[in-house]
C-alpha atoms as a PDB file:
ATOM      1  CA  MET A   1      39.779 115.957  84.926  1.00  0.00           C
ATOM      2  CA  PRO A   2      38.658 119.470  83.992  1.00  0.00           C
ATOM      3  CA  ARG A   3      35.904 119.748  81.424  1.00  0.00           C
ATOM      4  CA  ARG A   4      37.154 120.649  77.970  1.00  0.00           C
ATOM      5  CA  ASP A   5      35.143 122.834  75.679  1.00  0.00           C
ATOM      6  CA  SER A   6      35.753 123.763  72.070  1.00  0.00           C
ATOM      7  CA  ARG A   7      38.097 126.579  73.080  1.00  0.00           C
ATOM      8  CA  SER A   8      40.491 124.237  74.913  1.00  0.00           C
ATOM      9  CA  ARG A   9      40.926 121.510  72.303  1.00  0.00           C
ATOM     10  CA  VAL A  10      44.362 120.849  70.924  1.00  0.00           C
ATOM     11  CA  ARG A  11      44.923 122.745  67.713  1.00  0.00           C
ATOM     12  CA  SER A  12      46.760 121.036  64.937  1.00  0.00           C
ATOM     13  CA  ALA A  13      50.227 120.368  66.354  1.00  0.00           C
ATOM     14  CA  PRO A  14      53.199 121.128  64.125  1.00  0.00           C
ATOM     15  CA  ALA A  15      54.337 118.291  61.899  1.00  0.00           C
ATOM     16  CA  SER A  16      56.795 116.058  63.721  1.00  0.00           C
ATOM     17  CA  GLY A  17      59.721 117.411  61.675  1.00  0.00           C
ATOM     18  CA  ALA A  18      58.701 121.093  61.925  1.00  0.00           C
ATOM     19  CA  SER A  19      60.668 123.446  64.162  1.00  0.00           C
ATOM     20  CA  CYS A  20      59.576 123.422  67.781  1.00  0.00           C
ATOM     21  CA  PRO A  21      57.652 126.547  68.883  1.00  0.00           C
ATOM     22  CA  CYS A  22      59.832 126.748  72.038  1.00  0.00           C
ATOM     23  CA  GLY A  23      62.744 128.103  70.000  1.00  0.00           C
ATOM     24  CA  LEU A  24      65.249 125.310  70.522  1.00  0.00           C
ATOM     25  CA  PRO A  25      66.899 123.993  67.339  1.00  0.00           C
ATOM     26  CA  ALA A  26      65.017 120.696  67.309  1.00  0.00           C
ATOM     27  CA  PRO A  27      61.941 119.342  65.528  1.00  0.00           C
ATOM     28  CA  TYR A  28      58.697 119.619  67.511  1.00  0.00           C
ATOM     29  CA  GLY A  29      58.260 115.832  67.582  1.00  0.00           C
ATOM     30  CA  ASP A  30      61.670 115.327  69.210  1.00  0.00           C
ATOM     31  CA  CYS A  31      61.445 118.361  71.503  1.00  0.00           C
ATOM     32  CA  CYS A  32      58.259 119.541  73.226  1.00  0.00           C
ATOM     33  CA  GLY A  33      56.053 117.098  71.320  1.00  0.00           C
ATOM     34  CA  ARG A  34      57.491 114.207  73.369  1.00  0.00           C
ATOM     35  CA  LEU A  35      56.504 115.995  76.578  1.00  0.00           C
ATOM     36  CA  HIS A  36      53.038 116.899  75.288  1.00  0.00           C
ATOM     37  CA  ARG A  37      52.425 113.257  74.332  1.00  0.00           C
ATOM     38  CA  GLY A  38      53.575 112.061  77.789  1.00  0.00           C
ATOM     39  CA  GLU A  39      56.574 110.151  76.411  1.00  0.00           C
ATOM     40  CA  ALA A  40      59.024 112.170  78.534  1.00  0.00           C
ATOM     41  CA  SER A  41      59.088 114.674  81.391  1.00  0.00           C
ATOM     42  CA  ALA A  42      60.884 118.006  81.511  1.00  0.00           C
ATOM     43  CA  THR A  43      64.316 117.596  83.101  1.00  0.00           C
ATOM     44  CA  THR A  44      64.670 121.258  84.110  1.00  0.00           C
ATOM     45  CA  ALA A  45      62.419 124.165  85.025  1.00  0.00           C
ATOM     46  CA  GLU A  46      63.450 125.901  81.793  1.00  0.00           C
ATOM     47  CA  ALA A  47      62.534 122.843  79.728  1.00  0.00           C
ATOM     48  CA  LEU A  48      59.107 122.783  81.393  1.00  0.00           C
ATOM     49  CA  MET A  49      58.601 126.491  80.739  1.00  0.00           C
ATOM     50  CA  ARG A  50      59.562 126.021  77.068  1.00  0.00           C
ATOM     51  CA  SER A  51      57.179 123.072  76.738  1.00  0.00           C
ATOM     52  CA  ARG A  52      54.373 125.108  78.305  1.00  0.00           C
ATOM     53  CA  PHE A  53      55.005 127.946  75.824  1.00  0.00           C
ATOM     54  CA  SER A  54      54.750 125.372  73.031  1.00  0.00           C
ATOM     55  CA  ALA A  55      51.543 124.000  74.589  1.00  0.00           C
ATOM     56  CA  PHE A  56      50.018 127.486  74.471  1.00  0.00           C
ATOM     57  CA  GLY A  57      51.117 127.666  70.832  1.00  0.00           C
ATOM     58  CA  VAL A  58      49.531 124.361  69.822  1.00  0.00           C
ATOM     59  CA  GLY A  59      46.499 124.780  72.103  1.00  0.00           C
ATOM     60  CA  ASP A  60      47.192 121.846  74.438  1.00  0.00           C
ATOM     61  CA  ALA A  61      45.214 122.895  77.536  1.00  0.00           C
ATOM     62  CA  GLY A  62      45.447 119.381  78.993  1.00  0.00           C
ATOM     63  CA  TYR A  63      49.238 119.565  79.115  1.00  0.00           C
ATOM     64  CA  LEU A  64      49.114 123.016  80.683  1.00  0.00           C
ATOM     65  CA  LEU A  65      46.826 121.765  83.446  1.00  0.00           C
ATOM     66  CA  ARG A  66      48.861 118.586  84.032  1.00  0.00           C
ATOM     67  CA  THR A  67      52.025 120.633  84.481  1.00  0.00           C
ATOM     68  CA  TRP A  68      50.481 123.190  86.859  1.00  0.00           C
ATOM     69  CA  HIS A  69      51.052 122.784  90.613  1.00  0.00           C
ATOM     70  CA  PRO A  70      47.834 121.501  92.271  1.00  0.00           C
ATOM     71  CA  SER A  71      47.864 124.347  94.823  1.00  0.00           C
ATOM     72  CA  THR A  72      47.652 127.035  92.108  1.00  0.00           C
ATOM     73  CA  ARG A  73      46.053 125.145  89.174  1.00  0.00           C
ATOM     74  CA  PRO A  74      42.901 126.780  87.802  1.00  0.00           C
ATOM     75  CA  PRO A  75      39.867 124.615  86.999  1.00  0.00           C
ATOM     76  CA  GLY A  76      40.442 125.132  83.266  1.00  0.00           C
ATOM     77  CA  VAL A  77      42.413 127.027  80.653  1.00  0.00           C
ATOM     78  CA  ASP A  78      40.673 129.020  77.932  1.00  0.00           C
ATOM     79  CA  LEU A  79      42.846 129.046  74.817  1.00  0.00           C
ATOM     80  CA  GLY A  80      40.193 130.595  72.614  1.00  0.00           C
ATOM     81  CA  GLY A  81      40.609 133.921  70.917  1.00  0.00           C
ATOM     82  CA  GLY A  82      42.837 135.228  68.209  1.00  0.00           C
ATOM     83  CA  LEU A  83      46.147 135.213  70.080  1.00  0.00           C
ATOM     84  CA  ARG A  84      49.003 133.442  68.259  1.00  0.00           C
ATOM     85  CA  TRP A  85      52.274 132.865  70.155  1.00  0.00           C
ATOM     86  CA  THR A  86      55.221 133.445  67.830  1.00  0.00           C
ATOM     87  CA  ARG A  87      58.532 133.497  69.716  1.00  0.00           C
ATOM     88  CA  LEU A  88      60.052 132.888  73.124  1.00  0.00           C
ATOM     89  CA  GLU A  89      63.057 134.528  74.753  1.00  0.00           C
ATOM     90  CA  VAL A  90      64.466 133.056  77.965  1.00  0.00           C
ATOM     91  CA  LEU A  91      65.976 136.001  79.829  1.00  0.00           C
ATOM     92  CA  GLU A  92      67.203 134.415  83.074  1.00  0.00           C
ATOM     93  CA  THR A  93      67.039 131.187  85.044  1.00  0.00           C
ATOM     94  CA  THR A  94      67.854 130.389  88.669  1.00  0.00           C
ATOM     95  CA  GLY A  95      67.984 126.876  90.093  1.00  0.00           C
ATOM     96  CA  GLY A  96      65.696 124.495  88.288  1.00  0.00           C
ATOM     97  CA  SER A  97      68.260 121.835  87.379  1.00  0.00           C
ATOM     98  CA  ALA A  98      68.229 118.104  88.054  1.00  0.00           C
ATOM     99  CA  PHE A  99      69.810 118.901  91.431  1.00  0.00           C
ATOM    100  CA  HIS A 100      67.197 121.451  92.554  1.00  0.00           C
ATOM    101  CA  THR A 101      63.656 121.248  93.890  1.00  0.00           C
ATOM    102  CA  GLU A 102      62.752 124.817  92.904  1.00  0.00           C
ATOM    103  CA  GLY A 103      63.685 127.227  90.165  1.00  0.00           C
ATOM    104  CA  THR A 104      62.656 130.384  88.370  1.00  0.00           C
ATOM    105  CA  VAL A 105      62.606 131.386  84.719  1.00  0.00           C
ATOM    106  CA  ARG A 106      62.194 134.948  83.507  1.00  0.00           C
ATOM    107  CA  PHE A 107      61.018 135.087  79.911  1.00  0.00           C
ATOM    108  CA  ARG A 108      59.477 137.239  77.203  1.00  0.00           C
ATOM    109  CA  ALA A 109      56.796 135.636  75.039  1.00  0.00           C
ATOM    110  CA  HIS A 110      55.932 137.294  71.732  1.00  0.00           C
ATOM    111  CA  TYR A 111      52.516 137.053  70.118  1.00  0.00           C
ATOM    112  CA  VAL A 112      50.304 138.452  67.388  1.00  0.00           C
ATOM    113  CA  GLU A 113      46.714 139.396  68.156  1.00  0.00           C
ATOM    114  CA  ARG A 114      44.386 140.814  65.491  1.00  0.00           C
ATOM    115  CA  GLY A 115      47.410 141.569  63.322  1.00  0.00           C
ATOM    116  CA  GLU A 116      49.226 143.507  66.060  1.00  0.00           C
ATOM    117  CA  ALA A 117      52.509 142.238  67.498  1.00  0.00           C
ATOM    118  CA  GLY A 118      53.009 142.305  71.246  1.00  0.00           C
ATOM    119  CA  HIS A 119      54.811 140.559  74.057  1.00  0.00           C
ATOM    120  CA  MET A 120      54.413 139.688  77.702  1.00  0.00           C
ATOM    121  CA  GLU A 121      57.075 139.104  80.336  1.00  0.00           C
ATOM    122  CA  GLU A 122      56.879 136.929  83.402  1.00  0.00           C
ATOM    123  CA  HIS A 123      59.224 135.733  86.110  1.00  0.00           C
ATOM    124  CA  SER A 124      57.810 132.258  86.795  1.00  0.00           C
ATOM    125  CA  ARG A 125      58.356 129.953  89.742  1.00  0.00           C
ATOM    126  CA  PHE A 126      58.640 126.182  89.291  1.00  0.00           C
ATOM    127  CA  ALA A 127      58.876 123.345  91.804  1.00  0.00           C
ATOM    128  CA  ARG A 128      59.076 119.596  91.819  1.00  0.00           C
ATOM    129  CA  HIS A 129      55.844 117.806  92.618  1.00  0.00           C
ATOM    130  CA  GLY A 130      55.799 114.016  92.632  1.00  0.00           C
ATOM    131  CA  GLY A 131      59.278 114.109  91.088  1.00  0.00           C
ATOM    132  CA  ASP A 132      58.224 116.212  88.073  1.00  0.00           C
ATOM    133  CA  TRP A 133      58.697 119.900  87.404  1.00  0.00           C
ATOM    134  CA  VAL A 134      55.462 121.913  87.605  1.00  0.00           C
ATOM    135  CA  TYR A 135      54.570 125.569  87.141  1.00  0.00           C
ATOM    136  CA  VAL A 136      53.660 127.268  90.437  1.00  0.00           C
ATOM    137  CA  GLY A 137      52.990 130.836  89.345  1.00  0.00           C
ATOM    138  CA  ALA A 138      54.473 134.271  88.800  1.00  0.00           C
ATOM    139  CA  VAL A 139      57.121 135.473  91.267  1.00  0.00           C
END
């Protein structure tokens, strides 16, 4: 297991009834919180991508590493700094359903850093590994 330092500890997760950071109309505890706690696995590549966005938002580096493909997984994730993820837009998906072994998700993630709003876009590739969806990397 990768070493965790103070920058990679889980921040205070949203209250169980609070809206999920992933943008779906469900409480965090019933949505991505279940995946973060290991009570469920993502059923689609998009669901995994949404849960990873939420993990960045709540500072759950352990979840990010567990859901990263072993061939591309970094030794650690630094979630320190003043970046706050605020909103997610899913722009396009291909494959990634219960019937696929691979899929892609193109998204735009909005953030605020030092009071300035910004966003980043990525076209991400996902694959099944050991039966579960994992993040492979950018296309």
